[in-house]
Amino acid sequence: MRIALDAMGGDFAPAVPVAGAVEALADLPESSEILLVGRTKDIESALAKAGGPKKGLRIVEAPEVVEMGDKPLAAIRSKPNSSIAVGLNLHKRGEADAFISAGNTGAVMAASTIMLRLHEGVDRPAIGTAFPTGQKPVLVLDGGANVDCSPRELFGFARLGAVYARDVLGRPQPNVGLLNIGEEPEKGNLAAKEAYQLLNGATQFRFIGNIEGGDVLSGKCDVVVCDGFTGNVVLKFYESVARLFKELFGRELDASVLESAGVKKAFRVLDYSEYGGAPLLGVRGVSIICHGRSSARAIKNAIRVAVQSVQNNLSDHVGAEFASSASHKAAV
């Protein structure tokens, strides 16, 4: 298992990606290798602060960095030696089994789509974000890759999410819900109404109908489908609520209560770092996108997500899922 990690990606790079890689080593087989992609001197300095060079870590030089404020496509074209481009090239050539970055999301998505390409039959890739519930995580997609979506693309997201739910989340018969403003089939905008009809005839998963915002965390769904605009708003709102809870608890509760095992466990469930990164589903490979503010723990868990995706042949299964529909369309 070889994981290419963008060591220059994120608000706290390279210190946090390097620290996350060091933490992840303890959970990986000895034969595994994490490739730290970026500026060698900066990575070596971060490694020195994290305890020095470690077996299982290898630095791959990439002199350029895509900044958070760079325009995605322009950055990919003008910086061919960036840590994002070099890391994805390692994956494309088979020198790495997966790629992870907490850098510029748009650039990671654009570069992954261009360099790895989409599986035949996939119209658009989607970011699958894991949300905690009282029972088990639910996958929400799209998490921000596609602002405007057609009914056909929403149906494609459901198929991508169902494969991930089966392969990585361990849900043999995933329940899929369409995020809407009401449960009735006639509710929502035109895209939602038409998507409902497509989803209602699906055979690849169990469609349970429209769900409302209050149902996202109810545990009734394994996969929640929406356009990227809605998904990203829901994601950012959820993160703000988790922070609000922590602030309110800190203000109103005694410190000893906050240190109790139960409260710590609850906050751990609400913490996005517990779920690592979000896979960009639909590309030919494993590309994991992390939050720009990711902690070392989040990077460690993103590496876990990447390993699970590789071990469960996620990309191959996505390709097989869409191959039949692509062949049918070609025949017609």
Protein backbone atom coordinates (compact mmCIF):
# COMPACT_ATOMS: atom_id res chain seq x y z
CA MET A 1 0.00 0.00 0.00
CA ARG A 2 1.48 3.32 -1.12
CA ILE A 3 -0.35 6.55 -0.35
CA ALA A 4 0.69 9.85 -1.95
CA LEU A 5 0.00 12.71 0.48
CA ASP A 6 0.11 16.37 -0.52
CA ALA A 7 2.42 17.66 2.20
CA MET A 8 1.96 21.27 1.06
CA GLY A 9 -1.86 21.25 1.12
CA GLY A 10 -3.93 22.84 3.88
CA ASP A 11 -3.85 25.85 6.17
CA PHE A 12 -1.16 24.34 8.40
CA ALA A 13 1.08 22.61 5.86
CA PRO A 14 3.52 20.99 5.91
CA ALA A 15 3.50 20.51 9.70
CA VAL A 16 -0.01 19.00 9.96
CA PRO A 17 0.11 16.65 6.92
CA VAL A 18 3.51 15.37 8.06
CA ALA A 19 2.31 14.87 11.65
CA GLY A 20 -0.79 13.06 10.36
CA ALA A 21 1.37 10.77 8.23
CA VAL A 22 3.56 9.94 11.24
CA GLU A 23 0.47 9.09 13.32
CA ALA A 24 -0.97 6.94 10.52
CA LEU A 25 2.13 4.76 10.31
CA ALA A 26 1.23 3.04 13.58
CA ASP A 27 -1.96 1.64 12.02
CA LEU A 28 -0.45 0.55 8.70
CA PRO A 29 1.37 -2.71 7.87
CA GLU A 30 5.16 -2.39 7.89
CA SER A 31 5.26 -2.84 4.12
CA SER A 32 3.14 0.30 3.61
CA GLU A 33 4.62 3.58 2.45
CA ILE A 34 3.39 7.17 2.63
CA LEU A 35 4.87 9.43 -0.05
CA LEU A 36 5.17 13.00 1.25
CA VAL A 37 4.89 15.16 -1.86
CA GLY A 38 6.17 18.74 -1.75
CA ARG A 39 9.20 20.92 -1.12
CA THR A 40 11.86 18.66 0.31
CA LYS A 41 13.46 21.18 2.70
CA ASP A 42 10.10 22.20 4.17
CA ILE A 43 9.06 18.57 4.65
CA GLU A 44 12.40 17.66 6.23
CA SER A 45 12.01 20.54 8.67
CA ALA A 46 8.48 19.40 9.60
CA LEU A 47 9.72 15.81 9.98
CA ALA A 48 12.46 16.94 12.34
CA LYS A 49 9.82 18.53 14.60
CA ALA A 50 7.74 15.35 14.42
CA GLY A 51 10.57 13.15 15.67
CA GLY A 52 12.78 12.82 12.60
CA PRO A 53 12.68 10.56 9.52
CA LYS A 54 10.59 7.42 9.87
CA LYS A 55 10.59 4.09 8.11
CA GLY A 56 7.62 4.07 5.77
CA LEU A 57 7.84 7.76 4.90
CA ARG A 58 9.45 8.92 1.65
CA ILE A 59 9.75 12.44 0.33
CA VAL A 60 8.93 13.16 -3.32
CA GLU A 61 10.09 16.58 -4.50
CA ALA A 62 7.47 18.97 -5.89
CA PRO A 63 8.78 22.54 -6.01
CA GLU A 64 5.50 24.34 -6.74
CA VAL A 65 2.47 24.89 -4.50
CA VAL A 66 -1.13 25.58 -5.47
CA GLU A 67 -2.31 28.26 -3.06
CA MET A 68 -5.83 28.33 -1.59
CA GLY A 69 -6.65 31.50 -3.51
CA ASP A 70 -5.45 30.23 -6.91
CA LYS A 71 -8.02 29.64 -9.64
CA PRO A 72 -8.18 25.84 -10.02
CA LEU A 73 -7.75 25.31 -13.76
CA ALA A 74 -5.24 28.13 -14.13
CA ALA A 75 -3.18 26.73 -11.26
CA ILE A 76 -3.13 23.21 -12.71
CA ARG A 77 -1.98 24.52 -16.09
CA SER A 78 0.58 27.01 -14.80
CA LYS A 79 2.03 24.81 -12.03
CA PRO A 80 2.71 21.37 -13.54
CA ASN A 81 5.22 20.63 -10.77
CA SER A 82 2.88 21.40 -7.89
CA SER A 83 2.44 18.92 -5.05
CA ILE A 84 -1.10 18.23 -6.32
CA ALA A 85 0.00 17.50 -9.89
CA VAL A 86 3.04 15.45 -8.88
CA GLY A 87 1.05 13.43 -6.34
CA LEU A 88 -1.72 12.66 -8.81
CA ASN A 89 0.85 11.70 -11.44
CA LEU A 90 2.32 9.18 -9.00
CA HIS A 91 -1.18 7.70 -8.64
CA LYS A 92 -1.83 7.78 -12.38
CA ARG A 93 1.44 5.94 -13.12
CA GLY A 94 0.70 3.29 -10.52
CA GLU A 95 3.49 4.43 -8.19
CA ALA A 96 0.87 5.24 -5.53
CA ASP A 97 -2.42 3.51 -4.79
CA ALA A 98 -4.23 6.68 -3.70
CA PHE A 99 -3.80 10.45 -3.41
CA ILE A 100 -4.80 12.72 -0.49
CA SER A 101 -4.80 16.51 -0.23
CA ALA A 102 -6.09 19.20 2.14
CA GLY A 103 -5.19 21.84 -0.43
CA ASN A 104 -7.26 23.90 -2.86
CA THR A 105 -10.43 21.77 -3.27
CA GLY A 106 -11.24 23.07 -6.74
CA ALA A 107 -7.70 22.37 -7.93
CA VAL A 108 -7.67 18.84 -6.49
CA MET A 109 -11.02 18.11 -8.12
CA ALA A 110 -10.02 19.60 -11.49
CA ALA A 111 -6.62 17.89 -11.54
CA SER A 112 -8.11 14.53 -10.48
CA THR A 113 -10.72 14.73 -13.23
CA ILE A 114 -8.23 15.76 -15.91
CA MET A 115 -5.33 13.50 -14.95
CA LEU A 116 -7.11 10.39 -13.69
CA ARG A 117 -10.17 10.83 -15.93
CA LEU A 118 -13.71 9.68 -15.20
CA HIS A 119 -14.98 6.14 -15.43
CA GLU A 120 -16.94 5.54 -18.60
CA GLY A 121 -20.59 6.33 -17.97
CA VAL A 122 -19.91 8.83 -15.15
CA ASP A 123 -21.14 12.30 -16.14
CA ARG A 124 -19.61 14.18 -13.22
CA PRO A 125 -17.57 13.25 -10.16
CA ALA A 126 -19.03 13.96 -6.72
CA ILE A 127 -17.53 14.65 -3.30
CA GLY A 128 -18.92 12.17 -0.78
CA THR A 129 -18.90 13.62 2.74
CA ALA A 130 -19.54 11.47 5.80
CA PHE A 131 -21.89 13.01 8.38
CA PRO A 132 -22.22 11.54 11.87
CA THR A 133 -25.59 10.40 13.18
CA GLY A 134 -26.67 8.89 16.47
CA GLN A 135 -26.06 5.44 15.00
CA LYS A 136 -23.79 5.36 11.93
CA PRO A 137 -22.31 7.84 9.45
CA VAL A 138 -24.39 8.88 6.44
CA LEU A 139 -22.80 9.80 3.11
CA VAL A 140 -23.93 13.13 1.65
CA LEU A 141 -23.11 13.88 -1.98
CA ASP A 142 -22.41 16.09 -3.72
CA GLY A 143 -20.48 17.99 -1.05
CA GLY A 144 -19.48 20.90 -3.27
CA ALA A 145 -18.00 19.73 -6.57
CA ASN A 146 -21.04 20.57 -8.72
CA VAL A 147 -23.15 23.63 -7.96
CA ASP A 148 -25.78 23.06 -10.67
CA CYS A 149 -26.90 19.50 -11.41
CA SER A 150 -29.26 17.85 -13.87
CA PRO A 151 -31.66 15.07 -12.80
CA ARG A 152 -29.42 12.56 -14.61
CA GLU A 153 -26.38 13.75 -12.66
CA LEU A 154 -28.24 13.49 -9.35
CA PHE A 155 -29.15 9.92 -10.28
CA GLY A 156 -25.47 9.28 -11.00
CA PHE A 157 -24.52 10.62 -7.57
CA ALA A 158 -26.91 8.13 -6.00
CA ARG A 159 -25.21 5.27 -7.84
CA LEU A 160 -21.75 6.50 -6.82
CA GLY A 161 -22.85 6.87 -3.20
CA ALA A 162 -24.43 3.42 -3.14
CA VAL A 163 -21.17 1.80 -4.30
CA TYR A 164 -19.22 3.65 -1.59
CA ALA A 165 -21.80 2.73 1.05
CA ARG A 166 -21.46 -0.94 0.11
CA ASP A 167 -17.68 -1.04 -0.29
CA VAL A 168 -16.42 1.26 2.45
CA LEU A 169 -19.28 1.80 4.91
CA GLY A 170 -20.33 -1.86 4.88
CA ARG A 171 -24.00 -1.35 3.92
CA PRO A 172 -24.97 -4.29 1.65
CA GLN A 173 -28.33 -2.77 0.66
CA PRO A 174 -27.95 1.00 1.08
CA ASN A 175 -30.96 3.26 1.55
CA VAL A 176 -30.81 6.36 -0.65
CA GLY A 177 -32.79 9.55 -0.03
CA LEU A 178 -33.13 12.70 -2.14
CA LEU A 179 -32.74 15.90 -0.11
CA ASN A 180 -35.76 18.11 -0.75
CA ILE A 181 -38.13 20.62 0.89
CA GLY A 182 -40.82 18.00 1.45
CA GLU A 183 -41.41 14.27 1.28
CA GLU A 184 -44.04 14.34 -1.49
CA PRO A 185 -42.84 13.43 -5.02
CA GLU A 186 -44.18 16.70 -6.45
CA LYS A 187 -42.13 18.89 -4.06
CA GLY A 188 -38.98 20.75 -5.02
CA ASN A 189 -37.57 22.35 -8.14
CA LEU A 190 -37.74 20.83 -11.61
CA ALA A 191 -34.43 18.97 -11.26
CA ALA A 192 -35.53 17.39 -7.96
CA LYS A 193 -38.91 16.33 -9.37
CA GLU A 194 -37.34 14.67 -12.40
CA ALA A 195 -34.56 13.12 -10.31
CA TYR A 196 -37.22 11.59 -8.05
CA GLN A 197 -38.72 9.76 -11.01
CA LEU A 198 -35.32 8.41 -12.10
CA LEU A 199 -34.41 7.32 -8.58
CA ASN A 200 -37.80 5.74 -8.00
CA GLY A 201 -37.11 3.29 -10.82
CA ALA A 202 -33.62 2.35 -9.69
CA THR A 203 -32.64 -1.26 -9.17
CA GLN A 204 -29.08 -0.70 -7.91
CA PHE A 205 -30.15 0.53 -4.45
CA ARG A 206 -33.22 1.05 -2.27
CA PHE A 207 -34.68 4.53 -2.88
CA ILE A 208 -36.71 5.66 0.14
CA GLY A 209 -37.97 8.88 -1.44
CA ASN A 210 -37.52 12.54 -0.60
CA ILE A 211 -36.09 13.46 2.77
CA GLU A 212 -36.02 16.84 4.48
CA GLY A 213 -33.10 18.57 6.19
CA GLY A 214 -34.14 17.25 9.57
CA ASP A 215 -33.83 13.69 8.27
CA VAL A 216 -30.17 13.89 7.22
CA LEU A 217 -28.91 12.87 10.66
CA SER A 218 -31.86 10.63 11.57
CA GLY A 219 -30.13 7.42 10.50
CA LYS A 220 -32.87 6.42 8.03
CA CYS A 221 -30.53 6.92 5.05
CA ASP A 222 -27.14 5.52 4.13
CA VAL A 223 -26.78 7.97 1.23
CA VAL A 224 -28.25 11.47 0.86
CA VAL A 225 -28.28 12.94 -2.66
CA CYS A 226 -28.28 16.67 -3.46
CA ASP A 227 -26.54 19.20 -5.69
CA GLY A 228 -23.16 20.56 -4.60
CA PHE A 229 -24.54 23.97 -3.67
CA THR A 230 -26.99 22.49 -1.18
CA GLY A 231 -24.55 19.85 0.06
CA ASN A 232 -21.83 22.36 0.81
CA VAL A 233 -24.23 24.68 2.64
CA VAL A 234 -25.46 21.76 4.77
CA LEU A 235 -21.87 20.72 5.48
CA LYS A 236 -20.71 24.19 6.56
CA PHE A 237 -23.86 24.69 8.67
CA TYR A 238 -23.31 21.35 10.40
CA GLU A 239 -19.71 22.26 11.22
CA SER A 240 -20.84 25.57 12.73
CA VAL A 241 -23.45 23.83 14.90
CA ALA A 242 -20.82 21.43 16.24
CA ARG A 243 -18.61 24.40 17.17
CA LEU A 244 -21.58 26.16 18.78
CA PHE A 245 -22.37 23.14 20.95
CA LYS A 246 -18.80 22.98 22.14
CA GLU A 247 -18.76 26.70 22.93
CA LEU A 248 -22.07 26.53 24.82
CA PHE A 249 -21.03 23.47 26.80
CA GLY A 250 -17.74 25.12 27.69
CA ARG A 251 -19.56 28.20 28.94
CA GLU A 252 -22.38 26.50 30.84
CA LEU A 253 -20.91 23.26 32.19
CA ASP A 254 -18.36 22.60 34.86
CA ALA A 255 -14.90 21.70 33.55
CA SER A 256 -15.07 18.27 35.19
CA VAL A 257 -18.20 17.48 33.15
CA LEU A 258 -16.43 18.42 29.94
CA GLU A 259 -13.63 16.03 30.84
CA SER A 260 -15.98 13.10 31.41
CA ALA A 261 -15.73 10.13 29.05
CA GLY A 262 -19.31 10.51 27.81
CA VAL A 263 -18.98 14.16 26.83
CA LYS A 264 -15.62 13.56 25.17
CA LYS A 265 -17.13 10.71 23.17
CA ALA A 266 -20.03 12.90 22.05
CA PHE A 267 -17.70 15.65 20.87
CA ARG A 268 -15.57 13.07 19.08
CA VAL A 269 -18.63 11.95 17.10
CA LEU A 270 -19.36 15.57 16.12
CA ASP A 271 -15.76 16.24 15.10
CA TYR A 272 -15.22 16.17 11.30
CA SER A 273 -11.65 14.96 11.85
CA GLU A 274 -13.06 11.63 13.02
CA TYR A 275 -14.12 10.89 9.43
CA GLY A 276 -10.95 12.08 7.69
CA GLY A 277 -11.35 13.13 4.08
CA ALA A 278 -14.08 12.94 1.48
CA PRO A 279 -13.56 10.77 -1.60
CA LEU A 280 -13.98 12.28 -5.06
CA LEU A 281 -16.19 9.54 -6.48
CA GLY A 282 -16.27 8.77 -10.18
CA VAL A 283 -12.60 9.25 -11.07
CA ARG A 284 -10.40 6.34 -12.12
CA GLY A 285 -8.56 5.96 -8.86
CA VAL A 286 -8.76 7.04 -5.23
CA SER A 287 -8.57 10.80 -4.66
CA ILE A 288 -9.37 12.01 -1.13
CA ILE A 289 -10.15 15.66 -0.43
CA CYS A 290 -9.59 16.95 3.11
CA HIS A 291 -10.75 20.08 4.89
CA GLY A 292 -8.28 22.96 4.59
CA ARG A 293 -8.27 23.28 8.39
CA SER A 294 -7.59 19.55 8.87
CA SER A 295 -5.77 18.50 12.01
CA ALA A 296 -3.14 15.77 12.12
CA ARG A 297 -5.89 13.42 13.34
CA ALA A 298 -8.02 14.27 10.32
CA ILE A 299 -5.11 13.54 7.97
CA LYS A 300 -4.49 10.25 9.78
CA ASN A 301 -8.15 9.27 9.32
CA ALA A 302 -8.09 10.40 5.68
CA ILE A 303 -5.26 7.94 5.14
CA ARG A 304 -7.45 5.27 6.74
CA VAL A 305 -10.29 6.15 4.33
CA ALA A 306 -7.88 5.92 1.38
CA VAL A 307 -6.59 2.53 2.52
CA GLN A 308 -10.14 1.18 2.94
CA SER A 309 -11.08 2.43 -0.53
CA VAL A 310 -8.07 0.72 -2.10
CA GLN A 311 -8.50 -2.52 -0.16
CA ASN A 312 -12.17 -2.73 -1.16
CA ASN A 313 -11.43 -2.03 -4.86
CA LEU A 314 -13.75 0.98 -4.78
CA SER A 315 -12.63 2.43 -8.11
CA ASP A 316 -12.99 -0.91 -9.93
CA HIS A 317 -16.47 -1.38 -8.51
CA VAL A 318 -17.53 2.12 -9.58
CA GLY A 319 -16.23 1.34 -13.07
CA ALA A 320 -18.17 -1.92 -13.17
CA GLU A 321 -21.34 -0.21 -11.88
CA PHE A 322 -21.32 2.35 -14.70
CA ALA A 323 -19.93 0.13 -17.47
CA SER A 324 -23.27 -1.55 -18.17
CA SER A 325 -25.13 1.73 -18.59
CA ALA A 326 -22.34 3.13 -20.79
CA SER A 327 -22.49 0.04 -23.02
CA HIS A 328 -26.28 0.29 -23.26
CA LYS A 329 -26.11 3.96 -24.22
CA ALA A 330 -23.49 3.21 -26.89
CA ALA A 331 -25.64 0.43 -28.34
CA VAL A 332 -28.68 2.71 -28.52
